[in-house]
Amino acid sequence: MKYMKMIIIPLVTVLLILPIQGFPENDYQDISDNGKMIFEVYKRVMTHYADQVDAKKLAEAGIEGMLSKLDPYTVLLQPEDRQGLDLLTKGKYGGVGIQLGLRDDTLTVIAPMEGGPAIRSGIMSGDRIIGIDGNSTSEMNLNEAAKSIRGKKGTIVVLTIARYGETEPLDFELRRDNITVEDITYADFIGEDIAYIRLTRFSRNSASDMKKSLQNLSDQGMEKLIIDLRGNPGGLLEAAIDILELLIPAGHDLLFTRGRYDEASKEFRSGRSPIISEDLSLVILIDGGSASASEIISGAVQDLDRGIIIGTPSFGKGLVQSVFPIDKENSIKITTAKYYIPSGRFIQKPGYLEEEIDIGPEHDSTKVFNTVGGREVTELGGITPDIEVEMSSTPVLARECWRRGLFFKYASLYMQNHELVLPVIIDDEILEDFRGFLSSKELTLNLEGEKQFRTLLTSIDSTAAAAPIMKSSLETIEHYYEDLKAERFDIERDGLILGLEREFSFQLGGTEARIASSFDDDRVILKAIDVLSDQITYDSVLTPSEY
């Protein structure tokens, strides 16, 4: 009965506090009636069920069942679950370096972290994790999945990935490592007067690090700026607001939140002069891995016409969470408010709450919003870039090399007997040596149409398959796929060179060198440079369309 008291006491406490917080009066009776029902069921099970059950685990199961009907960010936090929260202040944990989220009730990679095992093995934003060490993730919540993926440095975890465009799941064998997350992984010039800053998360150090970087680049003559928020899953709201005040002139609305009790509703307004000139041209890069605080930054910059957004649509997380203690060990993280960016847009993707329990007003997704300059912007969930640029897909051989860690393994072996310097140049000698290295590996290359062909082979009657015409036709198709695979190295030559450059650069100079090696072929960055280099194009993007 002790655990029942632990549940009831916080409930009574909440009821006493809520009137001060502006909680709606007409909800009190619902809480009282349904709270009694929950307690009565729990009490009857504990006192009358035929078998003795664990009181704490039963209570936890009831809580988790209740919360499962809500959004994926509202969860029970036990002591071991606080690792993700601590990461924002301590910046280190043991795992494979991925940020997880739920998309359409499926465990999804929001973003792989720079320098971690996942990104070096080819894990991509948007990959759906359908298995962990052979166990299906269909019934796992975010915390359970994170526990399964994290572990002691040096141990192996196998993630089974479903990827858009792939007909078969992909298995990635990842060796866990100590993951130390740096907020800013690159801050330097990539052109004569164009600076580039890559921000990977929003922690308590992000704003001060950003301020130092901006001041340093400004002192060196920065006139144009690219801030890369791709793969940045967000973090602390305060960090996002502080960074916006470095970019946005004083007096502008930056963000407001709205909830069902008074303290959940807040407004944020820029209150000081920015560290950069208002004349400085600004581009923000986003993708499907840009979430939460990244969307606050990019959304405010877009709504206030302070800069141009380039990339692909962002993740769409516009919900605010607060953590409330339940007892000495456990807490509950609850979505208490919604984010709205300056134009009034709600950036959360729809469908986060089950319809059967959602009794609030229906959301109007057809409403048109405008930036301060009059440009029309949409509310489709997430931030839609002003200029959309899709990253090219990874071809089959390069993907297999990333998946198997073959770029990493080859670079490690090669550098044991050779000396290289930055910037790395992959010449014909290295490339042919890599060809020989791959020839010793059993590679799984699933070409387009090959799966259907293999299925056909298994379904053909053995007698029919032995018929001369049929046999000849099947052998022709078999040779066709063999020839295609033999040609893959030459077909994908440029992509393989890029993979080797990335891995050699990382081993020689770490994450910063790896990022720098991508500047010449990253289509999104190249587009940003083109726009910033043409003032007419830059201004035209920020000008309202005339009909």
Protein backbone atom coordinates (compact mmCIF):
# COMPACT_ATOMS: atom_id res chain seq x y z
CA MET A 1 0.00 0.00 0.00
CA LYS A 2 3.01 2.27 0.38
CA TYR A 3 3.26 2.87 -3.35
CA MET A 4 -0.46 3.71 -3.55
CA LYS A 5 0.14 6.48 -1.03
CA MET A 6 3.04 7.73 -3.15
CA ILE A 7 0.64 8.15 -6.08
CA ILE A 8 -2.19 9.77 -4.15
CA ILE A 9 -0.08 12.30 -2.22
CA PRO A 10 1.30 14.00 -5.35
CA LEU A 11 -2.21 14.01 -6.84
CA VAL A 12 -3.61 15.81 -3.81
CA THR A 13 -0.65 18.21 -3.85
CA VAL A 14 -1.29 19.06 -7.49
CA LEU A 15 -4.95 19.76 -6.77
CA LEU A 16 -3.94 22.19 -4.04
CA ILE A 17 -1.44 24.01 -6.24
CA LEU A 18 -3.40 24.20 -9.46
CA PRO A 19 -5.74 27.08 -8.52
CA ILE A 20 -2.72 29.33 -8.07
CA GLN A 21 -1.51 28.41 -11.56
CA GLY A 22 -4.75 29.37 -13.29
CA PHE A 23 -5.97 25.86 -13.97
CA PRO A 24 -9.50 25.82 -15.51
CA GLU A 25 -12.13 25.53 -12.76
CA ASN A 26 -14.41 23.17 -14.70
CA ASP A 27 -11.67 20.51 -14.90
CA TYR A 28 -11.51 19.90 -11.16
CA GLN A 29 -14.51 17.57 -11.07
CA ASP A 30 -13.11 15.47 -13.95
CA ILE A 31 -9.81 15.07 -12.11
CA SER A 32 -11.55 14.12 -8.90
CA ASP A 33 -13.90 11.57 -10.48
CA ASN A 34 -11.32 9.89 -12.72
CA GLY A 35 -8.57 10.05 -10.08
CA LYS A 36 -10.82 8.07 -7.74
CA MET A 37 -11.48 5.52 -10.48
CA ILE A 38 -7.76 5.02 -11.15
CA PHE A 39 -6.98 4.63 -7.47
CA GLU A 40 -9.90 2.24 -6.92
CA VAL A 41 -8.76 -0.05 -9.77
CA TYR A 42 -5.19 -0.06 -8.46
CA LYS A 43 -6.34 -0.77 -4.90
CA ARG A 44 -8.61 -3.64 -5.97
CA VAL A 45 -5.89 -5.29 -8.05
CA MET A 46 -3.40 -5.02 -5.20
CA THR A 47 -5.79 -6.39 -2.57
CA HIS A 48 -7.88 -8.91 -4.51
CA TYR A 49 -5.84 -10.20 -7.47
CA ALA A 50 -5.21 -13.96 -7.22
CA ASP A 51 -1.43 -13.66 -7.55
CA GLN A 52 0.86 -11.33 -5.68
CA VAL A 53 2.17 -8.61 -8.00
CA ASP A 54 4.93 -6.03 -7.74
CA ALA A 55 3.21 -2.86 -6.50
CA LYS A 56 5.73 -0.45 -7.98
CA LYS A 57 5.90 -2.10 -11.40
CA LEU A 58 2.11 -2.28 -11.61
CA ALA A 59 1.84 1.43 -10.80
CA GLU A 60 4.53 2.27 -13.36
CA ALA A 61 2.74 0.18 -15.99
CA GLY A 62 -0.49 2.06 -15.30
CA ILE A 63 1.25 5.42 -15.61
CA GLU A 64 3.03 4.44 -18.82
CA GLY A 65 -0.21 3.12 -20.29
CA MET A 66 -1.90 6.43 -19.55
CA LEU A 67 0.93 8.49 -21.04
CA SER A 68 1.12 6.30 -24.16
CA LYS A 69 -2.09 7.94 -25.39
CA LEU A 70 -0.38 11.33 -25.39
CA ASP A 71 2.49 12.74 -27.45
CA PRO A 72 5.81 10.83 -27.50
CA TYR A 73 7.58 13.44 -25.37
CA THR A 74 5.32 13.01 -22.33
CA VAL A 75 6.94 10.19 -20.35
CA LEU A 76 7.70 8.85 -16.87
CA LEU A 77 11.32 9.58 -15.93
CA GLN A 78 13.06 7.11 -13.64
CA PRO A 79 16.59 7.69 -12.33
CA GLU A 80 18.23 5.90 -15.25
CA ASP A 81 16.19 7.97 -17.72
CA ARG A 82 17.76 11.29 -16.73
CA GLN A 83 20.84 10.65 -18.86
CA GLY A 84 19.34 12.56 -21.79
CA LEU A 85 18.63 15.57 -19.59
CA ASP A 86 22.07 15.45 -18.04
CA LEU A 87 23.63 15.42 -21.51
CA LEU A 88 22.58 19.05 -21.98
CA THR A 89 24.72 20.06 -19.01
CA LYS A 90 27.47 17.41 -18.90
CA GLY A 91 27.82 16.77 -22.64
CA LYS A 92 29.00 13.15 -22.49
CA TYR A 93 27.51 9.64 -22.57
CA GLY A 94 28.20 6.12 -23.83
CA GLY A 95 26.46 5.13 -27.06
CA VAL A 96 26.58 5.34 -30.85
CA GLY A 97 25.83 9.05 -31.36
CA ILE A 98 22.25 9.38 -32.59
CA GLN A 99 19.34 11.60 -31.63
CA LEU A 100 16.07 9.66 -31.53
CA GLY A 101 12.47 10.71 -32.10
CA LEU A 102 9.14 9.23 -33.10
CA ARG A 103 7.67 9.81 -36.55
CA ASP A 104 4.29 8.20 -37.28
CA ASP A 105 4.76 6.03 -34.17
CA THR A 106 8.05 4.67 -35.56
CA LEU A 107 11.42 5.08 -33.86
CA THR A 108 13.30 7.47 -36.13
CA VAL A 109 16.82 8.89 -36.34
CA ILE A 110 16.40 12.65 -36.05
CA ALA A 111 20.12 13.11 -36.64
CA PRO A 112 23.41 11.26 -36.29
CA MET A 113 25.98 13.21 -34.25
CA GLU A 114 29.19 14.49 -35.76
CA GLY A 115 32.13 12.16 -35.20
CA GLY A 116 30.07 9.36 -33.64
CA PRO A 117 29.96 5.69 -34.68
CA ALA A 118 26.55 6.12 -36.32
CA ILE A 119 27.46 8.88 -38.77
CA ARG A 120 30.72 7.15 -39.65
CA SER A 121 28.79 4.01 -40.52
CA GLY A 122 26.32 5.80 -42.77
CA ILE A 123 23.30 6.18 -40.47
CA MET A 124 21.18 9.02 -41.89
CA SER A 125 18.52 11.44 -40.68
CA GLY A 126 15.12 9.91 -41.32
CA ASP A 127 16.28 6.30 -40.97
CA ARG A 128 13.66 4.24 -39.13
CA ILE A 129 15.06 1.89 -36.48
CA ILE A 130 12.89 -1.24 -36.65
CA GLY A 131 15.18 -3.50 -34.61
CA ILE A 132 17.84 -3.31 -31.90
CA ASP A 133 20.00 -6.42 -31.46
CA GLY A 134 17.33 -8.47 -33.20
CA ASN A 135 14.48 -7.17 -31.03
CA SER A 136 11.60 -5.33 -32.70
CA THR A 137 11.17 -1.69 -31.67
CA SER A 138 7.46 -1.62 -32.50
CA GLU A 139 6.48 -1.68 -28.82
CA MET A 140 9.41 0.39 -27.48
CA ASN A 141 9.08 4.00 -26.33
CA LEU A 142 11.91 6.49 -26.71
CA ASN A 143 13.40 5.81 -23.28
CA GLU A 144 13.37 2.03 -23.74
CA ALA A 145 15.04 2.34 -27.14
CA ALA A 146 17.70 4.69 -25.77
CA LYS A 147 18.49 2.27 -22.95
CA SER A 148 18.92 -0.57 -25.46
CA ILE A 149 21.21 1.43 -27.73
CA ARG A 150 23.44 2.87 -25.00
CA GLY A 151 26.01 0.72 -23.28
CA LYS A 152 29.61 0.24 -22.28
CA LYS A 153 32.30 1.61 -24.58
CA GLY A 154 33.62 -1.03 -26.96
CA THR A 155 30.53 -3.23 -26.96
CA ILE A 156 28.51 -3.91 -30.10
CA VAL A 157 24.90 -3.00 -30.89
CA VAL A 158 23.16 -3.95 -34.13
CA LEU A 159 20.54 -1.54 -35.47
CA THR A 160 18.13 -2.74 -38.14
CA ILE A 161 17.20 0.20 -40.36
CA ALA A 162 14.33 0.74 -42.76
CA ARG A 163 15.38 3.46 -45.20
CA TYR A 164 13.30 5.34 -47.73
CA GLY A 165 14.00 3.96 -51.21
CA GLU A 166 15.36 0.66 -49.92
CA THR A 167 13.28 -2.49 -50.38
CA GLU A 168 15.08 -4.48 -47.68
CA PRO A 169 16.07 -3.57 -44.08
CA LEU A 170 19.75 -2.75 -43.47
CA ASP A 171 21.72 -4.05 -40.48
CA PHE A 172 24.34 -1.72 -39.02
CA GLU A 173 26.82 -3.17 -36.54
CA LEU A 174 28.01 -0.27 -34.37
CA ARG A 175 30.71 -0.27 -31.71
CA ARG A 176 29.68 1.90 -28.78
CA ASP A 177 31.98 4.73 -27.80
CA ASN A 178 32.11 7.62 -25.35
CA ILE A 179 30.11 10.34 -27.05
CA THR A 180 31.19 13.87 -26.19
CA VAL A 181 28.95 16.45 -27.81
CA GLU A 182 30.40 19.81 -28.82
CA ASP A 183 27.95 22.60 -29.50
CA ILE A 184 29.92 24.31 -32.28
CA THR A 185 31.96 21.92 -34.42
CA TYR A 186 33.08 24.45 -37.05
CA ALA A 187 33.44 28.23 -37.14
CA ASP A 188 35.61 29.69 -39.89
CA PHE A 189 35.56 31.28 -43.33
CA ILE A 190 34.65 29.25 -46.42
CA GLY A 191 34.98 32.19 -48.77
CA GLU A 192 36.65 35.57 -48.84
CA ASP A 193 33.97 37.20 -46.66
CA ILE A 194 31.56 34.26 -46.05
CA ALA A 195 31.74 32.61 -42.64
CA TYR A 196 30.27 29.23 -41.74
CA ILE A 197 29.21 28.06 -38.28
CA ARG A 198 27.92 24.56 -37.56
CA LEU A 199 25.81 24.33 -34.40
CA THR A 200 24.98 20.76 -33.34
CA ARG A 201 22.73 21.33 -30.30
CA PHE A 202 21.42 23.93 -27.83
CA SER A 203 22.93 23.55 -24.37
CA ARG A 204 23.82 25.92 -21.56
CA ASN A 205 27.10 26.75 -23.36
CA SER A 206 25.68 27.31 -26.85
CA ALA A 207 24.94 31.03 -26.65
CA SER A 208 28.30 31.97 -25.14
CA ASP A 209 30.12 29.79 -27.71
CA MET A 210 28.12 31.35 -30.52
CA LYS A 211 28.84 34.86 -29.25
CA LYS A 212 32.58 34.18 -29.16
CA SER A 213 32.51 32.71 -32.67
CA LEU A 214 30.51 35.60 -34.12
CA GLN A 215 32.76 38.18 -32.46
CA ASN A 216 35.90 36.44 -33.71
CA LEU A 217 34.59 36.16 -37.28
CA SER A 218 33.33 39.75 -37.26
CA ASP A 219 36.78 40.96 -36.18
CA GLN A 220 38.21 39.14 -39.22
CA GLY A 221 35.90 40.88 -41.68
CA MET A 222 32.83 38.66 -41.90
CA GLU A 223 30.20 40.20 -44.20
CA LYS A 224 28.03 37.13 -44.88
CA LEU A 225 27.15 34.24 -42.61
CA ILE A 226 25.90 30.66 -42.94
CA ILE A 227 24.62 28.96 -39.77
CA ASP A 228 24.20 25.23 -40.30
CA LEU A 229 21.44 23.70 -38.13
CA ARG A 230 21.10 20.51 -40.16
CA GLY A 231 20.91 17.51 -37.88
CA ASN A 232 20.53 19.75 -34.83
CA PRO A 233 17.72 18.19 -32.74
CA GLY A 234 17.35 21.18 -30.41
CA GLY A 235 17.86 21.42 -26.66
CA LEU A 236 17.39 24.27 -24.21
CA LEU A 237 14.84 26.97 -25.11
CA GLU A 238 16.88 29.60 -23.27
CA ALA A 239 19.87 28.90 -25.51
CA ALA A 240 17.78 29.42 -28.64
CA ILE A 241 16.42 32.75 -27.39
CA ASP A 242 19.90 33.96 -26.38
CA ILE A 243 21.28 33.07 -29.82
CA LEU A 244 18.41 34.84 -31.57
CA GLU A 245 19.28 38.00 -29.63
CA LEU A 246 22.75 37.81 -31.20
CA LEU A 247 21.13 37.94 -34.66
CA ILE A 248 17.87 39.91 -34.38
CA PRO A 249 17.58 43.67 -33.68
CA ALA A 250 16.02 44.70 -30.36
CA GLY A 251 12.27 45.13 -30.09
CA HIS A 252 11.14 42.14 -32.15
CA ASP A 253 8.88 39.31 -30.98
CA LEU A 254 10.88 36.07 -31.12
CA LEU A 255 8.57 33.41 -29.75
CA PHE A 256 5.54 32.82 -27.60
CA THR A 257 4.24 29.71 -25.87
CA ARG A 258 0.66 28.88 -24.99
CA GLY A 259 -0.60 26.28 -22.53
CA ARG A 260 -3.63 25.57 -20.36
CA TYR A 261 -2.29 27.17 -17.21
CA ASP A 262 -0.84 30.62 -16.68
CA GLU A 263 2.83 29.77 -16.19
CA ALA A 264 2.89 27.82 -19.47
CA SER A 265 2.11 30.96 -21.49
CA LYS A 266 5.17 33.13 -22.07
CA GLU A 267 6.40 35.70 -24.56
CA PHE A 268 9.98 36.25 -25.66
CA ARG A 269 11.15 39.51 -27.22
CA SER A 270 14.61 40.64 -28.31
CA GLY A 271 15.85 43.10 -25.73
CA ARG A 272 19.37 44.00 -26.82
CA SER A 273 21.31 44.98 -29.91
CA PRO A 274 22.64 42.03 -31.95
CA ILE A 275 26.33 41.27 -32.12
CA ILE A 276 26.27 41.25 -35.93
CA SER A 277 25.39 44.14 -38.24
CA GLU A 278 21.81 44.36 -39.52
CA ASP A 279 23.31 44.67 -43.02
CA LEU A 280 25.05 41.30 -42.79
CA SER A 281 23.50 38.72 -45.15
CA LEU A 282 22.40 35.59 -43.30
CA VAL A 283 21.53 32.04 -44.41
CA ILE A 284 20.27 29.27 -42.11
CA LEU A 285 20.58 25.65 -43.27
CA ILE A 286 18.00 23.07 -42.09
CA ASP A 287 16.89 19.54 -42.86
CA GLY A 288 14.64 16.81 -41.47
CA GLY A 289 16.96 16.47 -38.49
CA SER A 290 16.53 20.12 -37.45
CA ALA A 291 14.03 20.16 -34.60
CA SER A 292 12.69 22.19 -31.69
CA ALA A 293 15.18 24.97 -30.86
CA SER A 294 16.58 24.75 -34.42
CA GLU A 295 13.09 25.46 -35.71
CA ILE A 296 12.71 28.38 -33.28
CA ILE A 297 15.87 29.94 -34.73
CA SER A 298 15.08 29.25 -38.40
CA GLY A 299 11.39 30.14 -37.97
CA ALA A 300 12.12 33.48 -36.33
CA VAL A 301 14.76 34.38 -38.94
CA GLN A 302 12.27 33.53 -41.69
CA ASP A 303 9.28 35.31 -40.13
CA LEU A 304 11.30 38.46 -39.43
CA ASP A 305 12.89 38.41 -42.91
CA ARG A 306 16.30 38.55 -41.24
CA GLY A 307 17.74 35.90 -43.53
CA ILE A 308 17.07 33.07 -45.96
CA ILE A 309 16.38 29.44 -45.05
CA ILE A 310 17.90 26.80 -47.35
CA GLY A 311 17.70 22.99 -47.27
CA THR A 312 14.79 20.61 -46.73
CA PRO A 313 11.73 20.87 -44.42
CA SER A 314 12.54 20.56 -40.73
CA PHE A 315 11.34 17.89 -38.29
CA GLY A 316 8.31 19.67 -36.81
CA LYS A 317 8.61 19.65 -33.00
CA GLY A 318 6.73 22.56 -31.48
CA LEU A 319 5.87 21.20 -28.03
CA VAL A 320 7.28 22.46 -24.71
CA GLN A 321 8.04 19.96 -21.92
CA SER A 322 8.29 20.55 -18.19
CA VAL A 323 9.58 18.07 -15.60
CA PHE A 324 7.61 17.57 -12.37
CA PRO A 325 8.79 15.40 -9.43
CA ILE A 326 6.53 12.52 -8.39
CA ASP A 327 8.59 11.23 -5.48
CA LYS A 328 12.22 11.15 -4.38
CA GLU A 329 13.34 9.08 -7.39
CA ASN A 330 10.83 9.53 -10.20
CA SER A 331 9.64 12.47 -12.25
CA ILE A 332 7.23 13.01 -15.08
CA LYS A 333 8.05 14.98 -18.20
CA ILE A 334 4.86 16.53 -19.59
CA THR A 335 4.12 18.61 -22.65
CA THR A 336 2.78 21.77 -21.04
CA ALA A 337 2.74 24.27 -23.91
CA LYS A 338 3.10 24.85 -27.63
CA TYR A 339 5.67 26.97 -29.48
CA TYR A 340 4.50 29.74 -31.83
CA ILE A 341 7.01 31.67 -33.93
CA PRO A 342 6.63 35.44 -34.67
CA SER A 343 4.11 35.09 -37.53
CA GLY A 344 1.86 33.03 -35.24
CA ARG A 345 2.69 29.69 -36.86
CA PHE A 346 2.55 26.50 -34.77
CA ILE A 347 5.52 24.41 -35.90
CA GLN A 348 4.49 20.98 -34.57
CA LYS A 349 3.68 18.35 -37.19
CA PRO A 350 0.05 17.19 -36.83
CA GLY A 351 -0.98 13.79 -35.50
CA TYR A 352 1.02 13.87 -32.27
CA LEU A 353 -2.04 13.27 -30.08
CA GLU A 354 -4.52 10.42 -30.51
CA GLU A 355 -7.82 11.73 -31.89
CA GLU A 356 -9.95 9.76 -29.42
CA ILE A 357 -8.69 11.79 -26.46
CA ASP A 358 -8.11 15.13 -28.19
CA ILE A 359 -11.17 17.26 -27.38
CA GLY A 360 -9.59 20.63 -28.17
CA PRO A 361 -10.48 22.82 -31.20
CA GLU A 362 -9.55 21.43 -34.60
CA HIS A 363 -6.37 22.88 -36.08
CA ASP A 364 -6.76 24.84 -39.34
CA SER A 365 -3.82 23.87 -41.54
CA THR A 366 -5.02 26.01 -44.46
CA LYS A 367 -4.48 29.35 -42.70
CA VAL A 368 -2.07 31.71 -44.47
CA PHE A 369 0.62 33.57 -42.49
CA ASN A 370 2.92 36.41 -43.48
CA THR A 371 6.43 37.49 -42.63
CA VAL A 372 7.04 41.07 -41.46
CA GLY A 373 7.86 41.97 -45.06
CA GLY A 374 4.65 40.46 -46.41
CA ARG A 375 5.88 37.12 -47.77
CA GLU A 376 3.39 34.26 -47.43
CA VAL A 377 4.57 31.32 -45.32
CA THR A 378 2.92 28.00 -44.57
CA GLU A 379 2.02 26.10 -41.43
CA LEU A 380 2.53 22.51 -42.54
CA GLY A 381 4.43 21.41 -39.44
CA GLY A 382 8.10 22.31 -39.25
CA ILE A 383 9.81 25.05 -41.25
CA THR A 384 9.65 24.96 -45.05
CA PRO A 385 12.84 26.46 -46.52
CA ASP A 386 12.74 29.51 -48.77
CA ILE A 387 14.94 27.54 -51.15
CA GLU A 388 14.66 23.75 -51.10
CA VAL A 389 17.76 21.74 -51.99
CA GLU A 390 17.67 17.97 -51.72
CA MET A 391 20.84 16.11 -50.84
CA SER A 392 21.71 13.45 -53.40
CA SER A 393 21.12 9.84 -52.36
CA THR A 394 24.05 7.54 -51.57
CA PRO A 395 24.56 4.90 -54.31
CA VAL A 396 24.66 1.21 -53.51
CA LEU A 397 28.42 0.51 -53.24
CA ALA A 398 29.21 3.66 -51.25
CA ARG A 399 26.28 2.87 -48.96
CA GLU A 400 27.64 -0.62 -48.34
CA CYS A 401 31.07 0.85 -47.56
CA TRP A 402 29.53 3.23 -45.01
CA ARG A 403 27.30 0.53 -43.53
CA ARG A 404 30.19 -1.90 -43.07
CA GLY A 405 32.61 0.79 -41.89
CA LEU A 406 34.93 0.01 -44.82
CA PHE A 407 36.04 3.61 -45.39
CA PHE A 408 37.10 3.74 -41.74
CA LYS A 409 38.83 0.34 -41.81
CA TYR A 410 40.72 1.10 -45.01
CA ALA A 411 41.85 4.55 -43.85
CA SER A 412 43.10 3.09 -40.57
CA LEU A 413 45.10 0.38 -42.36
CA TYR A 414 46.48 2.74 -44.99
CA MET A 415 47.70 5.30 -42.48
CA GLN A 416 49.68 2.67 -40.60
CA ASN A 417 52.17 2.62 -43.49
CA HIS A 418 51.66 5.95 -45.24
CA GLU A 419 51.81 9.61 -44.31
CA LEU A 420 49.06 11.99 -45.40
CA VAL A 421 48.47 15.67 -44.73
CA LEU A 422 45.43 17.92 -44.87
CA PRO A 423 43.74 18.66 -47.18
CA VAL A 424 43.58 15.02 -48.28
CA ILE A 425 43.89 14.28 -51.98
CA ILE A 426 42.72 10.84 -53.11
CA ASP A 427 44.92 9.98 -56.11
CA ASP A 428 44.65 7.04 -58.52
CA GLU A 429 47.13 5.00 -56.48
CA ILE A 430 45.02 5.21 -53.31
CA LEU A 431 41.83 4.58 -55.26
CA GLU A 432 43.17 1.43 -56.91
CA ASP A 433 44.49 0.22 -53.57
CA PHE A 434 41.00 0.71 -52.15
CA ARG A 435 39.58 -1.29 -55.08
CA GLY A 436 41.83 -4.17 -54.10
CA PHE A 437 40.79 -3.80 -50.46
CA LEU A 438 37.11 -4.08 -51.42
CA SER A 439 37.71 -7.11 -53.63
CA SER A 440 38.66 -9.08 -50.51
CA LYS A 441 35.31 -8.31 -48.86
CA GLU A 442 32.01 -10.04 -49.39
CA LEU A 443 29.82 -7.12 -50.36
CA THR A 444 26.02 -7.16 -50.38
CA LEU A 445 24.91 -4.99 -53.29
CA ASN A 446 21.17 -5.04 -53.87
CA LEU A 447 20.63 -3.48 -57.29
CA GLU A 448 17.32 -2.21 -58.59
CA GLY A 449 15.11 -5.12 -59.69
CA GLU A 450 17.47 -7.77 -58.35
CA LYS A 451 15.23 -8.72 -55.42
CA GLN A 452 12.32 -9.37 -57.80
CA PHE A 453 14.59 -11.48 -59.99
CA ARG A 454 15.69 -13.60 -57.02
CA THR A 455 12.07 -14.05 -56.01
CA LEU A 456 11.27 -15.18 -59.55
CA LEU A 457 14.04 -17.78 -59.45
CA THR A 458 12.63 -19.39 -56.32
CA SER A 459 9.12 -19.55 -57.77
CA ILE A 460 10.01 -21.16 -61.13
CA ASP A 461 9.47 -24.89 -61.38
CA SER A 462 12.80 -26.76 -61.64
CA THR A 463 11.71 -28.51 -64.84
CA ALA A 464 10.71 -25.24 -66.47
CA ALA A 465 13.97 -23.61 -65.36
CA ALA A 466 15.95 -26.39 -67.05
CA ALA A 467 14.29 -25.78 -70.42
CA PRO A 468 16.92 -24.41 -72.86
CA ILE A 469 15.20 -21.09 -73.61
CA MET A 470 14.31 -20.41 -69.98
CA LYS A 471 17.76 -21.42 -68.73
CA SER A 472 19.46 -19.18 -71.28
CA SER A 473 17.24 -16.22 -70.37
CA LEU A 474 17.85 -16.61 -66.65
CA GLU A 475 21.61 -16.91 -67.17
CA THR A 476 21.57 -13.74 -69.27
CA ILE A 477 19.85 -11.82 -66.47
CA GLU A 478 22.25 -13.31 -63.89
CA HIS A 479 25.26 -12.18 -65.94
CA TYR A 480 23.66 -8.77 -66.35
CA TYR A 481 23.58 -8.23 -62.57
CA GLU A 482 27.10 -9.64 -62.16
CA ASP A 483 28.40 -7.21 -64.79
CA LEU A 484 26.59 -4.30 -63.14
CA LYS A 485 28.18 -5.10 -59.78
CA ALA A 486 31.62 -5.40 -61.37
CA GLU A 487 31.18 -1.93 -62.86
CA ARG A 488 29.96 -0.28 -59.64
CA PHE A 489 33.42 0.87 -58.54
CA ASP A 490 33.99 2.85 -61.73
CA ILE A 491 30.39 4.11 -61.83
CA GLU A 492 30.62 5.37 -58.24
CA ARG A 493 34.22 6.56 -58.46
CA ASP A 494 33.45 10.15 -57.38
CA GLY A 495 31.30 9.06 -54.44
CA LEU A 496 33.96 6.63 -53.23
CA ILE A 497 36.58 9.38 -53.40
CA LEU A 498 34.36 11.59 -51.23
CA GLY A 499 33.91 8.79 -48.68
CA LEU A 500 37.66 8.29 -48.45
CA GLU A 501 38.28 12.03 -48.15
CA ARG A 502 35.81 12.27 -45.28
CA GLU A 503 37.35 9.38 -43.35
CA PHE A 504 41.00 10.31 -43.92
CA SER A 505 40.20 13.92 -42.99
CA PHE A 506 38.50 12.82 -39.77
CA GLN A 507 41.40 10.60 -38.73
CA LEU A 508 43.91 13.37 -39.47
CA GLY A 509 42.06 16.40 -38.13
CA GLY A 510 38.91 15.31 -36.32
CA THR A 511 35.38 16.57 -36.86
CA GLU A 512 36.42 20.03 -38.04
CA ALA A 513 38.56 18.59 -40.83
CA ARG A 514 35.77 16.19 -41.80
CA ILE A 515 33.29 19.06 -42.13
CA ALA A 516 35.76 21.14 -44.15
CA SER A 517 36.22 18.24 -46.58
CA SER A 518 32.51 18.43 -47.48
CA PHE A 519 32.42 22.06 -48.60
CA ASP A 520 33.23 21.36 -52.26
CA ASP A 521 30.43 18.83 -52.79
CA ASP A 522 27.70 19.68 -50.25
CA ARG A 523 24.88 20.86 -52.50
CA VAL A 524 23.14 22.81 -49.74
CA ILE A 525 26.28 24.71 -48.72
CA LEU A 526 27.14 25.39 -52.37
CA LYS A 527 23.66 26.82 -52.92
CA ALA A 528 24.03 29.03 -49.85
CA ILE A 529 27.35 30.36 -51.16
CA ASP A 530 25.77 31.08 -54.58
CA VAL A 531 22.88 33.02 -52.98
CA LEU A 532 25.16 34.99 -50.65
CA SER A 533 27.46 35.83 -53.56
CA ASP A 534 24.62 37.40 -55.56
CA GLN A 535 22.97 40.29 -53.70
CA ILE A 536 20.19 40.57 -56.29
CA THR A 537 19.20 36.93 -55.75
CA TYR A 538 19.44 37.31 -51.97
CA ASP A 539 17.18 40.37 -51.96
CA SER A 540 14.68 38.81 -54.38
CA VAL A 541 14.11 35.82 -52.08
CA LEU A 542 13.13 38.19 -49.27
CA THR A 543 10.79 40.21 -51.51
CA PRO A 544 7.05 39.33 -51.48
CA SER A 545 5.71 37.76 -54.66
CA GLU A 546 3.41 39.88 -56.81
CA TYR A 547 0.31 38.28 -58.31
